[in-house]
Amino acid sequence: ALHHSISSHRSNNNTSNRSKQHHHYHNHHSTAIERSYNINYTQLSHYQTTTKVTSTMNRSNNNNQQRQLVLPEPADMGAIILQGAAGFARRNKVIAGSYLFGILILVLAGSGTRLTLDQRREYNAIMDTIDLEAEFEASNRFGHADQAYRATKGWFSCDQLCQRNKERMEIAKFALEEVRKEGHARMSDAKAAAGLFSEVGVGEVKDKFWGHFNQGKAFAKRQSMWDAMFIGIRAMGRDENMMQYGMRLLMQVLINFSMGLVAALLFFLFSLWSIVRDYQANPVIAVFFFLAASCAAFAFVISYLMAMFGAVGGGLYGLAKVAESNQNARLNQGGGGGGAQRQPRYVNQRPHHE
């Protein structure tokens, strides 16, 4: 029994020792695996981090290159404008032909043909027959009669005295219209003696055009003054800077001048036919003169507007080129002077810079 007890005790000790050795080996093996996993995970994390940084730097460089302003050079810009103008002319042949014909009229027309001695003598003789004194007196009589009629007229009624003053006003008005009709007829005869293409006819058309043209510019200036005030008030409410305010005001000025000059051109065209009709010219000559004068006015207004828009566009293009140069210089300096950045090379899963 004693021998069996000693054997059992030794067997239990050996089993306990083997269990401790196995547990110690298992713990040591687990610790080694953990250390190896941690090392590999650290290397993998460092590799992924380095890869992300490299990818971010590459995307940043690509974005910088994409954000660089690329504007055409002045020579290329001129070619683009000429190409666009040629394309517009091919698509709109009537407008382009009218513009070119108007430019030709402006260059060749001049101030009209000079009157001969006989034409000038006949023209002056007919103009001297116009009784300006009679028109002045008839105008005064009409003014007094109209003033008396308005003084006796009520808001919604007109008594006997008012009716009598009204009759006198209508008689004076009729007499004034008759005097003016007679004077206009004599003036038309004098213009017919001079001729539609003479210096008298061309000069009258020019005076009419410049009158409407100056009225259109005056309208644009007044409207631009009001727009400058109201745009400034709105800009303060929106917290805009001076650059935004200046750009909006500049665009509004261009719109105002376009509206004013186009309206002036239309008013001139409406009044042109009455001038042509007063010269009693041949219908074919009258139509040709009307078309020529209309094309010339159209060409001048369009050229004026193109010069304005061209000047503004050229100034903005110059500012944009300066901004392009400055931005590209900053991007090149930020990218290491424009050179390619050195990329890391990995040796045994570790970054190694050459």
Protein backbone atom coordinates (compact mmCIF):
# COMPACT_ATOMS: atom_id res chain seq x y z
CA ALA A 1 0.00 0.00 0.00
CA LEU A 2 2.86 2.32 0.84
CA HIS A 3 4.49 1.49 -2.49
CA HIS A 4 1.21 2.11 -4.31
CA SER A 5 0.75 5.47 -2.52
CA ILE A 6 4.32 6.56 -3.46
CA SER A 7 3.74 5.58 -7.10
CA SER A 8 0.47 7.47 -7.25
CA HIS A 9 2.11 10.56 -5.75
CA ARG A 10 4.95 10.42 -8.33
CA SER A 11 2.45 9.94 -11.13
CA ASN A 12 0.44 12.97 -10.02
CA ASN A 13 3.63 15.07 -9.76
CA ASN A 14 4.70 14.08 -13.28
CA THR A 15 1.25 14.88 -14.65
CA SER A 16 1.27 18.27 -12.92
CA ASN A 17 4.76 19.03 -14.27
CA ARG A 18 3.76 18.08 -17.79
CA SER A 19 0.63 20.25 -17.48
CA LYS A 20 2.70 23.21 -16.28
CA GLN A 21 5.21 22.68 -19.09
CA HIS A 22 2.41 22.46 -21.65
CA HIS A 23 0.71 25.59 -20.23
CA HIS A 24 4.04 27.46 -20.20
CA TYR A 25 4.73 26.38 -23.79
CA HIS A 26 1.22 27.42 -24.84
CA ASN A 27 1.60 30.82 -23.17
CA HIS A 28 5.02 31.35 -24.74
CA HIS A 29 3.72 30.32 -28.17
CA SER A 30 0.69 32.64 -27.85
CA THR A 31 2.91 35.53 -26.79
CA ALA A 32 5.17 34.94 -29.78
CA ILE A 33 2.20 34.83 -32.14
CA GLU A 34 0.82 38.03 -30.61
CA ARG A 35 4.16 39.79 -30.95
CA SER A 36 4.46 38.68 -34.57
CA TYR A 37 0.88 39.79 -35.28
CA ASN A 38 1.49 43.17 -33.63
CA ILE A 39 4.68 43.67 -35.65
CA ASN A 40 2.95 42.73 -38.89
CA TYR A 41 -0.08 44.90 -38.03
CA THR A 42 2.21 47.84 -37.22
CA GLN A 43 4.07 47.43 -40.50
CA LEU A 44 0.78 47.08 -42.40
CA SER A 45 -0.66 50.17 -40.71
CA HIS A 46 2.50 52.14 -41.50
CA TYR A 47 2.34 50.94 -45.09
CA GLN A 48 -1.34 51.85 -45.41
CA THR A 49 -0.71 55.27 -43.83
CA THR A 50 2.21 55.96 -46.16
CA THR A 51 0.15 54.81 -49.14
CA LYS A 52 -2.73 57.09 -48.13
CA VAL A 53 -0.38 60.07 -47.74
CA THR A 54 1.18 59.37 -51.13
CA SER A 55 -2.25 58.99 -52.75
CA THR A 56 -3.45 62.20 -51.09
CA MET A 57 -0.37 64.07 -52.31
CA ASN A 58 -0.91 62.76 -55.84
CA ARG A 59 -4.58 63.75 -55.80
CA SER A 60 -3.62 67.17 -54.44
CA ASN A 61 -1.10 67.64 -57.24
CA ASN A 62 -3.66 66.53 -59.81
CA ASN A 63 -6.26 68.91 -58.37
CA ASN A 64 -3.74 71.75 -58.40
CA GLN A 65 -3.01 71.05 -62.04
CA GLN A 66 -6.72 70.95 -62.82
CA ARG A 67 -7.34 74.23 -60.94
CA GLN A 68 -4.75 76.06 -62.98
CA LEU A 69 -6.27 78.73 -65.19
CA VAL A 70 -5.66 78.15 -68.86
CA LEU A 71 -6.68 81.12 -71.01
CA PRO A 72 -5.95 81.43 -74.72
CA GLU A 73 -3.14 83.66 -75.80
CA PRO A 74 -3.93 87.04 -77.42
CA ALA A 75 -3.17 85.70 -80.90
CA ASP A 76 -5.40 82.69 -80.29
CA MET A 77 -8.11 84.95 -78.89
CA GLY A 78 -8.07 87.02 -82.07
CA ALA A 79 -8.37 83.88 -84.16
CA ILE A 80 -11.29 82.69 -82.00
CA ILE A 81 -13.11 86.01 -82.43
CA LEU A 82 -12.57 86.00 -86.19
CA GLN A 83 -13.75 82.42 -86.41
CA GLY A 84 -16.88 83.21 -84.40
CA ALA A 85 -17.61 86.28 -86.54
CA ALA A 86 -17.20 84.25 -89.72
CA GLY A 87 -19.54 81.58 -88.39
CA PHE A 88 -22.15 84.19 -87.43
CA ALA A 89 -21.88 85.77 -90.89
CA ARG A 90 -22.45 82.40 -92.56
CA ARG A 91 -25.51 81.71 -90.40
CA ASN A 92 -26.98 85.24 -90.71
CA LYS A 93 -26.21 86.40 -94.21
CA VAL A 94 -28.84 89.16 -94.30
CA ILE A 95 -27.59 90.81 -91.10
CA ALA A 96 -23.95 90.48 -92.12
CA GLY A 97 -24.65 91.82 -95.61
CA SER A 98 -26.60 94.79 -94.21
CA TYR A 99 -23.75 95.58 -91.83
CA LEU A 100 -21.10 95.46 -94.55
CA PHE A 101 -23.27 97.52 -96.89
CA GLY A 102 -23.78 100.10 -94.14
CA ILE A 103 -20.03 100.32 -93.50
CA LEU A 104 -19.51 100.88 -97.22
CA ILE A 105 -22.11 103.68 -97.22
CA LEU A 106 -20.47 105.32 -94.21
CA VAL A 107 -17.08 105.27 -95.93
CA LEU A 108 -18.19 106.40 -99.40
CA ALA A 109 -21.26 108.57 -98.79
CA GLY A 110 -19.54 111.52 -97.22
CA SER A 111 -21.74 114.60 -96.81
CA GLY A 112 -23.67 114.31 -100.08
CA THR A 113 -23.26 115.98 -103.45
CA ARG A 114 -22.72 119.71 -103.51
CA LEU A 115 -25.46 121.88 -104.95
CA THR A 116 -24.85 123.54 -108.27
CA LEU A 117 -25.26 127.26 -108.59
CA ASP A 118 -28.66 126.93 -110.25
CA GLN A 119 -29.85 124.43 -107.62
CA ARG A 120 -28.73 126.65 -104.79
CA ARG A 121 -30.38 129.69 -106.34
CA GLU A 122 -33.68 127.84 -106.85
CA TYR A 123 -33.53 126.35 -103.38
CA ASN A 124 -32.96 129.71 -101.72
CA ALA A 125 -35.65 131.39 -103.83
CA ILE A 126 -38.29 128.87 -102.76
CA MET A 127 -37.23 128.96 -99.12
CA ASP A 128 -37.55 132.75 -99.10
CA THR A 129 -41.23 132.48 -100.03
CA ILE A 130 -42.04 130.79 -96.72
CA ASP A 131 -43.84 133.36 -94.57
CA LEU A 132 -42.35 132.85 -91.15
CA GLU A 133 -44.01 135.99 -89.83
CA ALA A 134 -47.45 134.65 -90.67
CA GLU A 135 -46.68 131.41 -88.86
CA PHE A 136 -45.43 133.32 -85.82
CA GLU A 137 -48.60 135.44 -85.64
CA ALA A 138 -50.86 132.41 -86.12
CA SER A 139 -48.99 130.60 -83.35
CA ASN A 140 -49.45 133.58 -80.98
CA ARG A 141 -53.19 133.77 -81.73
CA PHE A 142 -53.58 130.07 -81.06
CA GLY A 143 -51.65 130.37 -77.77
CA HIS A 144 -53.85 133.21 -76.46
CA ALA A 145 -57.04 131.44 -77.54
CA ASP A 146 -56.01 128.18 -75.95
CA GLN A 147 -55.06 129.94 -72.70
CA ALA A 148 -58.46 131.69 -72.55
CA TYR A 149 -60.29 128.43 -73.21
CA ARG A 150 -58.43 126.57 -70.44
CA ALA A 151 -59.03 129.44 -68.00
CA THR A 152 -62.85 129.23 -68.45
CA LYS A 153 -63.09 125.45 -68.64
CA GLY A 154 -64.32 123.56 -65.59
CA TRP A 155 -63.43 120.07 -64.46
CA PHE A 156 -66.47 118.40 -65.98
CA SER A 157 -68.43 121.29 -67.53
CA CYS A 158 -68.04 124.10 -70.06
CA ASP A 159 -70.47 127.07 -69.89
CA GLN A 160 -71.40 129.48 -72.67
CA LEU A 161 -68.25 131.59 -72.27
CA CYS A 162 -66.16 128.44 -72.32
CA GLN A 163 -67.86 127.27 -75.51
CA ARG A 164 -67.17 130.62 -77.20
CA ASN A 165 -63.49 130.47 -76.19
CA LYS A 166 -63.34 126.89 -77.43
CA GLU A 167 -64.60 127.92 -80.87
CA ARG A 168 -62.00 130.70 -81.04
CA MET A 169 -59.27 128.23 -80.03
CA GLU A 170 -60.31 125.75 -82.72
CA ILE A 171 -60.39 128.50 -85.40
CA ALA A 172 -56.91 129.69 -84.37
CA LYS A 173 -55.64 126.10 -84.40
CA PHE A 174 -57.03 125.49 -87.88
CA ALA A 175 -55.43 128.70 -89.16
CA LEU A 176 -52.07 127.70 -87.65
CA GLU A 177 -52.23 124.25 -89.25
CA GLU A 178 -53.03 125.79 -92.65
CA VAL A 179 -50.06 128.16 -92.41
CA ARG A 180 -47.78 125.31 -91.41
CA LYS A 181 -49.05 123.09 -94.22
CA GLU A 182 -48.34 125.83 -96.74
CA GLY A 183 -44.87 126.40 -95.33
CA HIS A 184 -44.17 122.65 -95.31
CA ALA A 185 -45.29 122.33 -98.94
CA ARG A 186 -42.97 125.13 -100.03
CA MET A 187 -40.12 123.62 -98.05
CA SER A 188 -40.78 120.27 -99.75
CA ASP A 189 -40.55 121.99 -103.16
CA ALA A 190 -37.22 123.52 -102.16
CA LYS A 191 -35.91 120.13 -101.01
CA ALA A 192 -37.04 118.57 -104.31
CA ALA A 193 -35.03 121.21 -106.16
CA ALA A 194 -31.93 120.31 -104.11
CA GLY A 195 -32.27 116.52 -104.45
CA LEU A 196 -32.31 113.64 -101.98
CA PHE A 197 -28.61 112.77 -102.34
CA SER A 198 -27.51 116.39 -102.09
CA GLU A 199 -25.75 117.91 -99.12
CA VAL A 200 -29.11 119.24 -97.96
CA GLY A 201 -30.78 115.82 -97.87
CA VAL A 202 -27.81 113.94 -96.43
CA GLY A 203 -27.24 116.69 -93.87
CA GLU A 204 -30.85 116.57 -92.70
CA VAL A 205 -30.69 112.79 -92.30
CA LYS A 206 -27.45 113.08 -90.34
CA ASP A 207 -28.90 115.73 -88.04
CA LYS A 208 -31.93 113.54 -87.37
CA PHE A 209 -29.74 110.52 -86.62
CA TRP A 210 -27.41 112.38 -84.27
CA GLY A 211 -30.39 113.84 -82.43
CA HIS A 212 -31.82 110.39 -81.69
CA PHE A 213 -28.37 108.95 -80.98
CA ASN A 214 -27.60 111.62 -78.37
CA GLN A 215 -31.01 111.07 -76.78
CA GLY A 216 -30.25 107.34 -76.51
CA LYS A 217 -26.90 108.01 -74.84
CA ALA A 218 -28.50 110.51 -72.46
CA PHE A 219 -31.07 107.89 -71.48
CA ALA A 220 -28.30 105.33 -70.85
CA LYS A 221 -26.34 107.77 -68.68
CA ARG A 222 -29.36 108.71 -66.58
CA GLN A 223 -30.36 105.07 -66.13
CA SER A 224 -26.79 104.08 -65.23
CA MET A 225 -26.66 106.80 -62.57
CA TRP A 226 -29.81 105.47 -60.93
CA ASP A 227 -28.59 101.88 -61.27
CA ALA A 228 -25.30 102.78 -59.58
CA MET A 229 -27.21 104.10 -56.57
CA PHE A 230 -29.69 101.22 -56.28
CA ILE A 231 -27.09 98.51 -56.97
CA GLY A 232 -24.92 100.06 -54.26
CA ILE A 233 -27.82 99.90 -51.79
CA ARG A 234 -28.49 96.25 -52.64
CA ALA A 235 -24.76 95.47 -52.43
CA MET A 236 -24.61 96.83 -48.87
CA GLY A 237 -27.57 94.62 -47.95
CA ARG A 238 -25.90 91.53 -49.46
CA ASP A 239 -22.45 92.34 -48.02
CA GLU A 240 -20.79 92.35 -51.44
CA ASN A 241 -17.24 93.54 -52.04
CA MET A 242 -16.18 96.27 -54.42
CA MET A 243 -15.21 93.81 -57.14
CA GLN A 244 -18.69 92.28 -57.26
CA TYR A 245 -20.31 95.71 -57.15
CA GLY A 246 -18.11 96.96 -59.98
CA MET A 247 -18.81 93.93 -62.16
CA ARG A 248 -22.58 94.19 -61.69
CA LEU A 249 -22.53 97.92 -62.38
CA LEU A 250 -20.39 97.42 -65.48
CA MET A 251 -22.79 94.83 -66.90
CA GLN A 252 -25.76 97.10 -66.15
CA VAL A 253 -24.09 100.04 -67.92
CA LEU A 254 -23.56 97.88 -71.01
CA ILE A 255 -27.20 96.81 -70.92
CA ASN A 256 -28.38 100.42 -70.56
CA PHE A 257 -26.32 101.64 -73.50
CA SER A 258 -27.50 98.71 -75.62
CA MET A 259 -31.14 99.47 -74.84
CA GLY A 260 -30.74 103.22 -75.37
CA LEU A 261 -28.90 102.98 -78.69
CA VAL A 262 -31.17 100.27 -80.10
CA ALA A 263 -34.21 102.37 -79.18
CA ALA A 264 -32.58 105.42 -80.80
CA LEU A 265 -32.01 103.40 -83.97
CA LEU A 266 -35.66 102.34 -84.09
CA PHE A 267 -36.93 105.90 -83.60
CA PHE A 268 -34.61 107.11 -86.33
CA LEU A 269 -35.89 104.48 -88.76
CA PHE A 270 -39.49 105.48 -88.04
CA SER A 271 -38.76 109.16 -88.76
CA LEU A 272 -36.52 108.51 -91.78
CA TRP A 273 -39.29 107.78 -94.27
CA SER A 274 -41.00 111.13 -93.62
CA ILE A 275 -37.72 112.89 -94.49
CA VAL A 276 -37.35 110.84 -97.68
CA ARG A 277 -40.93 111.57 -98.67
CA ASP A 278 -40.45 115.34 -98.36
CA TYR A 279 -37.88 115.36 -101.17
CA GLN A 280 -40.40 114.08 -103.73
CA ALA A 281 -37.85 111.72 -105.26
CA ASN A 282 -38.40 108.85 -107.65
CA PRO A 283 -39.85 105.84 -105.75
CA VAL A 284 -36.91 103.62 -106.70
CA ILE A 285 -34.40 106.26 -105.61
CA ALA A 286 -36.39 106.94 -102.44
CA VAL A 287 -36.42 103.24 -101.46
CA PHE A 288 -32.70 102.88 -102.22
CA PHE A 289 -31.87 105.96 -100.12
CA PHE A 290 -34.02 104.69 -97.25
CA LEU A 291 -32.31 101.28 -97.27
CA ALA A 292 -28.85 102.81 -97.56
CA ALA A 293 -29.46 105.25 -94.69
CA SER A 294 -30.99 102.47 -92.56
CA CYS A 295 -28.02 100.14 -93.14
CA ALA A 296 -25.57 102.94 -92.39
CA ALA A 297 -27.32 103.79 -89.10
CA PHE A 298 -27.48 100.09 -88.21
CA ALA A 299 -23.77 99.60 -88.96
CA PHE A 300 -22.76 102.63 -86.90
CA VAL A 301 -24.81 101.61 -83.85
CA ILE A 302 -23.57 98.00 -83.99
CA SER A 303 -19.97 99.17 -84.41
CA TYR A 304 -20.33 101.50 -81.44
CA LEU A 305 -21.72 98.72 -79.26
CA MET A 306 -19.07 96.26 -80.43
CA ALA A 307 -16.38 98.79 -79.57
CA MET A 308 -17.84 99.19 -76.07
CA PHE A 309 -18.15 95.46 -75.46
CA GLY A 310 -14.72 94.87 -76.99
CA ALA A 311 -13.09 97.42 -74.70
CA VAL A 312 -14.74 95.91 -71.63
CA GLY A 313 -13.96 92.36 -72.76
CA GLY A 314 -10.33 93.28 -73.48
CA GLY A 315 -9.94 94.81 -70.04
CA LEU A 316 -11.44 91.77 -68.32
CA TYR A 317 -9.26 89.48 -70.44
CA GLY A 318 -6.15 91.38 -69.35
CA LEU A 319 -7.14 91.10 -65.68
CA ALA A 320 -7.83 87.40 -66.13
CA LYS A 321 -4.39 86.86 -67.70
CA VAL A 322 -2.74 88.60 -64.75
CA ALA A 323 -4.74 86.45 -62.33
CA GLU A 324 -3.78 83.34 -64.31
CA SER A 325 -0.08 84.15 -64.07
CA ASN A 326 -0.28 84.84 -60.32
CA GLN A 327 -2.27 81.68 -59.56
CA ASN A 328 -0.04 79.43 -61.65
CA ALA A 329 3.02 80.91 -59.95
CA ARG A 330 1.55 80.18 -56.50
CA LEU A 331 0.62 76.64 -57.50
CA ASN A 332 4.10 75.99 -58.86
CA GLN A 333 5.71 77.33 -55.70
CA GLY A 334 3.38 75.24 -53.53
CA GLY A 335 4.22 72.12 -55.54
CA GLY A 336 7.96 72.34 -54.88
CA GLY A 337 8.87 74.63 -57.71
CA GLY A 338 7.00 72.64 -60.29
CA GLY A 339 9.23 69.55 -59.96
CA ALA A 340 7.94 66.02 -59.41
CA GLN A 341 7.89 64.98 -55.75
CA ARG A 342 10.01 62.05 -54.66
CA GLN A 343 7.90 58.95 -54.01
CA PRO A 344 8.91 56.43 -51.27
CA ARG A 345 10.01 52.92 -52.32
CA TYR A 346 9.14 50.02 -50.03
CA VAL A 347 11.77 47.41 -49.12
CA ASN A 348 10.50 44.50 -47.03
CA GLN A 349 7.26 46.36 -46.29
CA ARG A 350 9.18 49.40 -44.92
CA PRO A 351 9.37 52.80 -46.61
CA HIS A 352 12.77 53.58 -48.01
CA HIS A 353 13.49 56.96 -49.62
CA GLU A 354 16.08 57.03 -52.35
